[in-house]
N, C-alpha and C. Protein backbone atom coordinates (compact mmCIF):
# COMPACT_ATOMS: atom_id res chain seq x y z
N UNK A 1 -8.66 -17.84 4.97
CA UNK A 1 -8.53 -16.60 4.45
C UNK A 1 -9.19 -15.54 5.25
N UNK A 2 -8.70 -14.50 4.83
CA UNK A 2 -9.31 -13.07 5.60
C UNK A 2 -10.76 -13.09 5.27
N UNK A 3 -11.34 -12.66 6.30
CA UNK A 3 -12.79 -12.16 6.42
C UNK A 3 -12.67 -10.64 5.77
N UNK A 4 -13.95 -10.19 5.14
CA UNK A 4 -14.02 -8.73 4.31
C UNK A 4 -13.69 -7.77 5.34
N UNK A 5 -14.05 -7.94 6.91
CA UNK A 5 -14.33 -7.06 7.79
C UNK A 5 -12.71 -6.53 8.28
N UNK A 6 -11.66 -8.21 8.06
CA UNK A 6 -10.36 -7.80 8.50
C UNK A 6 -9.82 -7.29 7.41
N UNK A 7 -10.17 -7.64 6.07
CA UNK A 7 -9.38 -6.57 4.97
C UNK A 7 -9.78 -5.49 5.02
N UNK A 8 -11.09 -4.92 5.37
CA UNK A 8 -11.14 -3.48 5.16
C UNK A 8 -10.44 -2.73 6.71
N UNK A 9 -10.36 -3.58 7.75
CA UNK A 9 -9.34 -3.07 8.76
C UNK A 9 -8.03 -2.97 8.36
N UNK A 10 -7.60 -3.83 7.59
CA UNK A 10 -6.30 -3.88 7.18
C UNK A 10 -6.01 -2.67 5.94
N UNK A 11 -7.20 -2.59 5.23
CA UNK A 11 -6.87 -1.40 4.41
C UNK A 11 -6.69 0.00 4.77
N UNK A 12 -7.74 0.16 5.80
CA UNK A 12 -7.88 1.55 6.08
C UNK A 12 -6.53 1.73 7.36
N UNK A 13 -6.46 0.98 8.28
CA UNK A 13 -5.26 1.09 9.08
C UNK A 13 -4.23 1.55 8.12
N UNK A 14 -3.77 0.72 7.01
CA UNK A 14 -2.57 0.91 6.26
C UNK A 14 -2.64 2.20 6.02
N UNK A 15 -3.75 2.91 5.46
CA UNK A 15 -3.62 4.18 4.73
C UNK A 15 -3.73 5.14 5.77
N UNK A 16 -4.53 5.03 6.84
CA UNK A 16 -4.15 6.17 8.05
C UNK A 16 -2.71 6.37 8.56
N UNK A 17 -2.18 5.44 8.73
CA UNK A 17 -0.95 5.62 9.47
C UNK A 17 0.24 5.94 8.43
N UNK A 18 -0.26 5.54 7.01
CA UNK A 18 0.75 6.17 5.81
C UNK A 18 0.44 7.60 5.72
N UNK A 19 -0.91 8.10 5.46
CA UNK A 19 -1.32 9.35 5.52
C UNK A 19 -0.30 10.41 6.94
N UNK A 20 -0.35 9.83 7.91
CA UNK A 20 0.33 10.50 9.09
C UNK A 20 1.55 10.69 8.75
N UNK A 21 2.34 9.97 7.91
CA UNK A 21 3.84 9.86 7.70
C UNK A 21 4.17 10.67 6.59
N UNK A 22 3.36 10.24 5.45
CA UNK A 22 3.59 10.83 4.18
C UNK A 22 3.51 12.50 3.71
N UNK A 23 2.37 12.81 4.82
CA UNK A 23 1.73 14.34 4.38
C UNK A 23 2.99 15.42 4.67
N UNK A 24 3.34 15.23 5.92
CA UNK A 24 4.33 16.25 6.40
C UNK A 24 6.03 16.24 5.60
N UNK A 25 6.26 14.70 5.38
CA UNK A 25 7.07 14.42 4.65
C UNK A 25 7.16 14.81 3.29
N UNK A 26 6.09 14.49 2.44
CA UNK A 26 6.02 14.96 1.44
C UNK A 26 6.14 16.57 1.08
N UNK A 27 5.31 17.25 2.01
CA UNK A 27 5.25 18.55 1.87
C UNK A 27 6.81 19.11 1.94
N UNK A 28 7.59 18.66 3.00
CA UNK A 28 9.03 19.26 3.16
C UNK A 28 9.95 18.86 1.97
N UNK A 29 9.71 17.43 1.37
CA UNK A 29 10.52 16.91 0.63
C UNK A 29 10.46 18.10 -0.78
N UNK A 30 8.97 18.06 -1.21
CA UNK A 30 8.49 18.65 -2.68
C UNK A 30 8.36 20.16 -2.46
N UNK A 31 8.40 20.57 -1.39
CA UNK A 31 7.94 21.97 -1.50
C UNK A 31 6.68 22.90 -1.98
N UNK A 32 5.66 21.74 -1.73
CA UNK A 32 4.29 21.96 -1.68
C UNK A 32 3.72 22.18 -0.42
N UNK A 33 2.51 22.62 -0.28
CA UNK A 33 2.04 23.16 1.21
C UNK A 33 1.62 21.86 1.93
N UNK A 34 1.31 21.84 3.24
CA UNK A 34 0.67 20.62 3.48
C UNK A 34 -0.66 20.79 3.18
N UNK A 35 -1.79 21.58 2.73
CA UNK A 35 -2.88 21.30 2.35
C UNK A 35 -2.90 20.62 1.10
N UNK A 36 -2.12 21.12 0.30
CA UNK A 36 -2.03 20.70 -1.23
C UNK A 36 -1.44 19.16 -1.17
N UNK A 37 -0.49 18.84 -0.34
CA UNK A 37 0.17 17.38 -0.18
C UNK A 37 -1.01 16.57 0.69
N UNK A 38 -1.44 17.12 1.70
CA UNK A 38 -2.54 16.51 2.44
C UNK A 38 -3.60 16.00 1.75
N UNK A 39 -4.38 17.02 0.82
CA UNK A 39 -5.12 16.52 -0.16
C UNK A 39 -5.23 15.72 -0.88
N UNK A 40 -3.85 15.93 -1.65
CA UNK A 40 -3.56 14.92 -2.66
C UNK A 40 -3.11 13.52 -2.02
N UNK A 41 -2.76 13.60 -0.70
CA UNK A 41 -2.37 12.31 -0.01
C UNK A 41 -3.88 11.34 0.17
N UNK A 42 -4.64 12.13 0.64
CA UNK A 42 -6.19 11.87 0.84
C UNK A 42 -6.82 11.03 -0.09
N UNK A 43 -7.22 11.88 -1.43
CA UNK A 43 -7.37 11.45 -2.67
C UNK A 43 -6.76 10.14 -3.20
N UNK A 44 -5.10 10.31 -2.94
CA UNK A 44 -4.29 8.85 -3.47
C UNK A 44 -4.57 7.74 -2.30
N UNK A 45 -5.11 8.24 -1.10
CA UNK A 45 -5.37 6.99 0.00
C UNK A 45 -6.39 6.49 -0.33
N UNK A 46 -7.41 7.06 -0.63
CA UNK A 46 -8.96 6.97 -1.04
C UNK A 46 -8.66 5.94 -2.42
N UNK A 47 -7.97 6.21 -3.51
CA UNK A 47 -8.06 5.27 -4.28
C UNK A 47 -7.11 4.00 -3.95
N UNK A 48 -5.98 4.26 -3.15
CA UNK A 48 -4.97 2.97 -2.82
C UNK A 48 -5.81 1.91 -1.95
N UNK A 49 -6.83 2.57 -0.97
CA UNK A 49 -7.48 1.86 -0.38
C UNK A 49 -8.61 0.90 -1.21
N UNK A 50 -8.91 1.26 -1.76
CA UNK A 50 -9.49 0.25 -3.07
C UNK A 50 -8.81 -0.57 -3.81
N UNK A 51 -7.56 0.00 -4.17
CA UNK A 51 -6.80 -0.79 -4.86
C UNK A 51 -6.04 -1.96 -3.58
N UNK A 52 -6.08 -1.28 -2.79
CA UNK A 52 -5.40 -2.35 -1.72
C UNK A 52 -6.34 -3.62 -1.40
N UNK A 53 -7.56 -3.15 -1.34
CA UNK A 53 -8.88 -4.43 -1.18
C UNK A 53 -8.51 -5.58 -1.89
N UNK A 54 -8.84 -4.77 -3.71
CA UNK A 54 -8.76 -5.49 -4.36
C UNK A 54 -7.67 -6.41 -5.00
N UNK A 55 -6.30 -5.69 -4.80
CA UNK A 55 -5.07 -6.42 -4.89
C UNK A 55 -4.85 -7.26 -3.88
N UNK A 56 -4.97 -7.18 -2.36
CA UNK A 56 -4.75 -8.09 -1.69
C UNK A 56 -5.50 -9.62 -1.78
N UNK A 57 -7.03 -8.93 -2.46
CA UNK A 57 -8.01 -10.44 -2.40
C UNK A 57 -7.34 -11.07 -3.50
N UNK A 58 -6.63 -10.67 -4.70
CA UNK A 58 -6.48 -11.46 -5.71
C UNK A 58 -5.07 -11.97 -5.72
N UNK A 59 -4.34 -11.49 -4.79
CA UNK A 59 -3.08 -11.93 -4.33
C UNK A 59 -3.25 -13.44 -3.61
N UNK A 60 -3.94 -13.13 -2.65
CA UNK A 60 -4.22 -13.92 -1.85
C UNK A 60 -5.10 -15.11 -2.50
N UNK A 61 -5.72 -15.24 -3.37
CA UNK A 61 -6.50 -15.94 -4.09
C UNK A 61 -5.50 -16.85 -4.93
N UNK A 62 -4.49 -15.94 -5.66
CA UNK A 62 -3.88 -16.56 -6.41
C UNK A 62 -2.59 -17.45 -5.90
N UNK A 63 -2.21 -16.87 -4.36
CA UNK A 63 -1.11 -17.38 -3.77
C UNK A 63 -1.89 -18.82 -3.39
N UNK A 64 -2.91 -18.68 -2.87
CA UNK A 64 -3.56 -20.05 -2.42
C UNK A 64 -3.53 -21.12 -3.39
N UNK A 65 -4.05 -20.62 -4.48
CA UNK A 65 -4.09 -21.47 -5.69
C UNK A 65 -2.75 -21.90 -5.91
N UNK A 66 -1.78 -21.13 -5.86
CA UNK A 66 -0.48 -21.82 -6.53
C UNK A 66 0.06 -22.74 -5.31
N UNK A 67 0.19 -22.34 -3.93
CA UNK A 67 0.77 -22.95 -2.87
C UNK A 67 -0.06 -23.61 -1.75
N UNK A 68 -1.36 -23.39 -1.74
CA UNK A 68 -2.07 -24.00 -1.00
C UNK A 68 -2.36 -22.98 0.33
N UNK A 69 -2.03 -22.07 0.25
CA UNK A 69 -1.83 -21.33 1.49
C UNK A 69 -1.58 -19.84 1.29
N UNK A 70 -2.06 -18.96 2.30
CA UNK A 70 -1.61 -17.51 2.14
C UNK A 70 -0.49 -17.17 2.88
N UNK A 71 0.09 -18.09 3.40
CA UNK A 71 1.42 -17.71 4.10
C UNK A 71 2.43 -16.94 3.17
N UNK A 72 2.94 -15.96 3.36
CA UNK A 72 4.11 -15.44 2.52
C UNK A 72 5.29 -15.44 2.90
N UNK A 73 6.24 -15.79 2.41
CA UNK A 73 7.86 -15.65 2.38
C UNK A 73 8.25 -14.31 2.22
N UNK A 74 9.52 -14.13 2.77
CA UNK A 74 10.30 -12.81 2.52
C UNK A 74 9.96 -12.47 0.95
N UNK A 75 10.44 -13.48 0.22
CA UNK A 75 10.46 -13.19 -1.18
C UNK A 75 9.10 -12.93 -1.90
N UNK A 76 8.25 -13.71 -1.49
CA UNK A 76 6.99 -13.09 -1.57
C UNK A 76 6.42 -11.93 -1.15
N UNK A 77 6.45 -11.55 -0.01
CA UNK A 77 6.40 -10.21 0.18
C UNK A 77 6.88 -9.15 -0.19
N UNK A 78 8.01 -9.23 -0.86
CA UNK A 78 8.80 -8.07 -1.69
C UNK A 78 7.78 -8.21 -3.17
N UNK A 79 7.74 -9.50 -3.72
CA UNK A 79 6.94 -9.41 -5.04
C UNK A 79 5.68 -8.98 -4.77
N UNK A 80 5.02 -9.03 -3.63
CA UNK A 80 3.36 -8.67 -3.17
C UNK A 80 3.52 -7.00 -3.05
N UNK A 81 4.58 -6.59 -2.19
CA UNK A 81 5.00 -4.92 -2.38
C UNK A 81 5.14 -4.47 -3.58
N UNK A 82 5.78 -4.90 -4.52
CA UNK A 82 6.11 -4.28 -5.62
C UNK A 82 5.21 -4.38 -6.31
N UNK A 83 4.34 -5.43 -6.69
CA UNK A 83 3.22 -5.50 -7.37
C UNK A 83 2.29 -4.43 -7.32
N UNK A 84 2.06 -4.30 -5.88
CA UNK A 84 1.02 -3.33 -5.30
C UNK A 84 1.35 -1.86 -5.61
N UNK A 85 2.52 -1.86 -5.42
CA UNK A 85 2.97 -0.45 -5.81
C UNK A 85 3.38 0.08 -7.09
N UNK A 86 3.58 -0.77 -7.95
CA UNK A 86 3.66 -0.70 -9.28
C UNK A 86 2.24 -0.53 -9.98
N UNK A 87 1.25 -1.04 -9.45
CA UNK A 87 0.00 -0.97 -10.12
C UNK A 87 -0.96 0.26 -9.70
N UNK A 88 -0.32 0.77 -8.28
CA UNK A 88 -0.75 2.28 -7.77
C UNK A 88 -0.15 3.36 -8.60
N UNK A 89 0.99 3.36 -8.75
CA UNK A 89 2.03 4.06 -9.60
C UNK A 89 1.22 4.52 -10.83
N UNK A 90 0.68 3.27 -11.61
CA UNK A 90 0.25 3.52 -13.01
C UNK A 90 -1.44 4.52 -12.93
N UNK A 91 -1.88 4.12 -11.66
CA UNK A 91 -3.21 5.00 -11.36
C UNK A 91 -3.03 6.06 -10.84
N UNK A 92 -2.14 6.47 -10.18
CA UNK A 92 -2.05 7.66 -9.50
C UNK A 92 -1.20 8.78 -10.35
N UNK A 93 -0.68 8.39 -11.42
CA UNK A 93 0.52 9.56 -12.19
C UNK A 93 -0.40 10.74 -12.86
N UNK A 94 -1.54 10.10 -13.40
CA UNK A 94 -2.61 11.12 -14.08
C UNK A 94 -3.03 12.27 -12.60
N UNK A 95 -3.31 11.65 -11.78
CA UNK A 95 -3.81 12.52 -10.64
C UNK A 95 -2.94 13.00 -10.04
N UNK A 96 -1.82 12.93 -9.85
CA UNK A 96 -0.87 13.68 -9.23
C UNK A 96 -0.41 15.07 -10.16
N UNK A 97 -0.34 14.76 -11.48
CA UNK A 97 0.37 15.65 -12.16
C UNK A 97 -1.14 16.85 -12.35
N UNK A 98 -2.25 16.26 -12.44
CA UNK A 98 -3.22 17.18 -12.52
C UNK A 98 -3.35 17.93 -11.41
N UNK A 99 -3.57 17.48 -10.03
CA UNK A 99 -3.54 17.75 -8.93
C UNK A 99 -2.63 18.93 -8.26
N UNK A 100 -1.43 18.90 -8.73
CA UNK A 100 -0.47 20.01 -8.76
C UNK A 100 -0.06 20.70 -9.52
N UNK A 101 -0.62 20.59 -10.75
CA UNK A 101 -0.25 21.24 -12.10
C UNK A 101 1.03 21.21 -12.44
N UNK A 102 1.54 20.35 -12.20
CA UNK A 102 3.09 19.72 -13.01
C UNK A 102 2.88 18.79 -14.12
N UNK A 103 4.12 18.68 -14.63
CA UNK A 103 4.21 17.77 -15.79
C UNK A 103 4.42 16.55 -15.54
N UNK A 104 4.43 15.45 -16.43
CA UNK A 104 4.19 14.00 -16.07
C UNK A 104 5.37 13.54 -15.64
N UNK A 105 6.53 14.22 -16.09
CA UNK A 105 7.75 13.93 -15.59
C UNK A 105 8.22 14.05 -13.95
N UNK A 106 7.70 15.48 -13.41
CA UNK A 106 7.76 15.74 -12.43
C UNK A 106 7.03 14.90 -11.76
N UNK A 107 5.45 14.62 -11.83
CA UNK A 107 4.60 13.90 -11.62
C UNK A 107 5.12 12.26 -11.21
N UNK A 108 5.74 12.27 -12.25
CA UNK A 108 6.46 10.86 -12.08
C UNK A 108 7.99 10.55 -10.93
N UNK A 109 8.22 11.55 -10.94
CA UNK A 109 9.56 12.02 -9.68
C UNK A 109 8.87 11.54 -8.48
N UNK A 110 7.52 12.49 -8.33
CA UNK A 110 6.91 12.60 -7.09
C UNK A 110 6.43 11.28 -6.69
N UNK A 111 5.71 10.70 -7.86
CA UNK A 111 4.69 9.99 -7.36
C UNK A 111 5.61 8.64 -7.06
N UNK A 112 6.76 8.27 -7.80
CA UNK A 112 8.07 7.57 -7.59
C UNK A 112 8.35 7.36 -5.86
N UNK A 113 8.69 8.70 -5.93
CA UNK A 113 9.33 8.72 -4.26
C UNK A 113 8.26 8.40 -3.13
N UNK A 114 6.96 8.71 -3.54
CA UNK A 114 5.80 8.14 -2.76
C UNK A 114 5.82 6.44 -2.48
N UNK A 115 6.26 6.08 -3.90
CA UNK A 115 5.96 4.66 -4.27
C UNK A 115 7.02 3.96 -3.54
N UNK A 116 8.39 4.58 -3.53
CA UNK A 116 9.33 4.01 -2.91
C UNK A 116 9.19 4.02 -1.43
N UNK A 117 8.76 4.96 -0.84
CA UNK A 117 8.39 5.27 0.67
C UNK A 117 7.27 4.03 0.98
N UNK A 118 6.35 3.93 0.12
CA UNK A 118 5.02 3.14 0.47
C UNK A 118 5.45 1.95 0.29
N UNK A 119 6.47 1.29 -0.66
CA UNK A 119 6.85 -0.22 -1.02
C UNK A 119 7.66 -0.21 0.17
N UNK A 120 8.85 0.12 0.54
CA UNK A 120 8.96 -0.25 2.23
C UNK A 120 7.71 -0.44 3.24
N UNK A 121 7.19 0.55 3.37
CA UNK A 121 6.17 0.73 4.39
C UNK A 121 5.16 -0.78 4.18
N UNK A 122 4.73 -0.89 2.65
CA UNK A 122 3.79 -1.95 2.59
C UNK A 122 4.30 -3.17 3.34
N UNK A 123 5.90 -3.68 2.86
CA UNK A 123 6.38 -4.62 3.08
C UNK A 123 6.40 -4.82 5.12
N UNK A 124 6.76 -3.56 5.51
CA UNK A 124 6.61 -3.66 6.95
C UNK A 124 5.33 -3.78 7.58
N UNK A 125 4.15 -2.83 7.07
CA UNK A 125 2.95 -2.93 7.81
C UNK A 125 2.31 -4.23 7.46
N UNK A 126 2.46 -4.91 6.59
CA UNK A 126 1.96 -5.84 6.03
C UNK A 126 2.22 -7.19 6.85
N UNK A 127 3.65 -7.31 7.34
CA UNK A 127 4.36 -8.26 8.12
C UNK A 127 3.87 -7.88 9.43
N UNK A 128 3.89 -6.66 9.86
CA UNK A 128 3.51 -6.30 11.22
C UNK A 128 1.97 -6.67 11.33
N UNK A 129 1.08 -6.49 10.24
CA UNK A 129 -0.22 -6.89 10.54
C UNK A 129 -0.75 -8.24 10.67
N UNK A 130 0.14 -9.29 9.88
CA UNK A 130 0.11 -10.70 9.87
C UNK A 130 0.62 -11.10 11.08
N UNK A 131 1.31 -10.50 11.65
CA UNK A 131 1.88 -11.00 13.08
C UNK A 131 0.94 -10.55 13.99
N UNK A 132 0.49 -9.34 14.13
CA UNK A 132 -0.70 -9.03 14.95
C UNK A 132 -1.96 -9.59 14.80
N UNK A 133 -2.38 -9.86 13.47
CA UNK A 133 -3.61 -10.39 13.27
C UNK A 133 -3.48 -11.47 12.49
N UNK A 134 -2.99 -12.54 12.76
CA UNK A 134 -2.70 -13.90 11.81
C UNK A 134 -3.97 -14.18 11.02
N UNK A 135 -3.82 -14.78 9.81
CA UNK A 135 -4.99 -15.25 9.14
C UNK A 135 -5.58 -16.04 9.88
N UNK A 136 -6.72 -16.37 10.16
CA UNK A 136 -7.59 -17.28 11.09
C UNK A 136 -7.43 -18.84 10.11
N UNK A 137 -7.44 -18.76 8.97
CA UNK A 137 -7.48 -20.02 8.43
C UNK A 137 -6.56 -20.61 8.44
N UNK A 138 -5.45 -19.95 8.55
CA UNK A 138 -3.65 -20.77 8.59
C UNK A 138 -3.68 -21.05 10.14
N UNK A 139 -3.06 -22.74 9.84
CA UNK A 139 -2.48 -23.10 11.27
C UNK A 139 -1.60 -22.02 12.01
N UNK A 140 -1.14 -22.39 13.52
CA UNK A 140 -0.74 -21.40 14.02
C UNK A 140 0.73 -22.06 13.89
N UNK A 141 1.80 -21.12 13.78
CA UNK A 141 3.23 -21.57 13.45
C UNK A 141 3.54 -21.97 15.02
N UNK A 142 4.13 -23.44 15.43
CA UNK A 142 4.89 -23.74 16.56
C UNK A 142 6.25 -23.02 16.65
N UNK A 143 6.35 -22.70 17.89
CA UNK A 143 7.69 -21.92 17.98
C UNK A 143 8.51 -23.12 18.56
N UNK A 144 10.11 -22.73 17.82
CA UNK A 144 11.24 -23.84 18.18
C UNK A 144 11.89 -23.69 19.22
């Protein structure tokens, strides 16, 4: 199982890289200034960082209880990413609406667009992170 320090490194690096990509992209796509989107993204990233830690800890415990391992197949990675982003979408919807002064429907479209980006990003990032920093509690895979 991953250490607390490793989980913090994972959560913080995930959010920092995501912010660097989503701020200019969101500003361009939705016509809000870089500052408005950047600050919203920073607030969302702060909430997401806490959610990331809690969600990944719970997911790994559940996965280990169910399978005896924290190793994730591609199908489990998809489930992991969808669950993470779905939970975050629910948490962020009122924040997005209030921050940008828009209705819930507009906030849902914007938040869902960000969630779609982060859904793909979470899948790719987590796979890459697991490759670069394998879980020390798991036996190394043998190459064929």
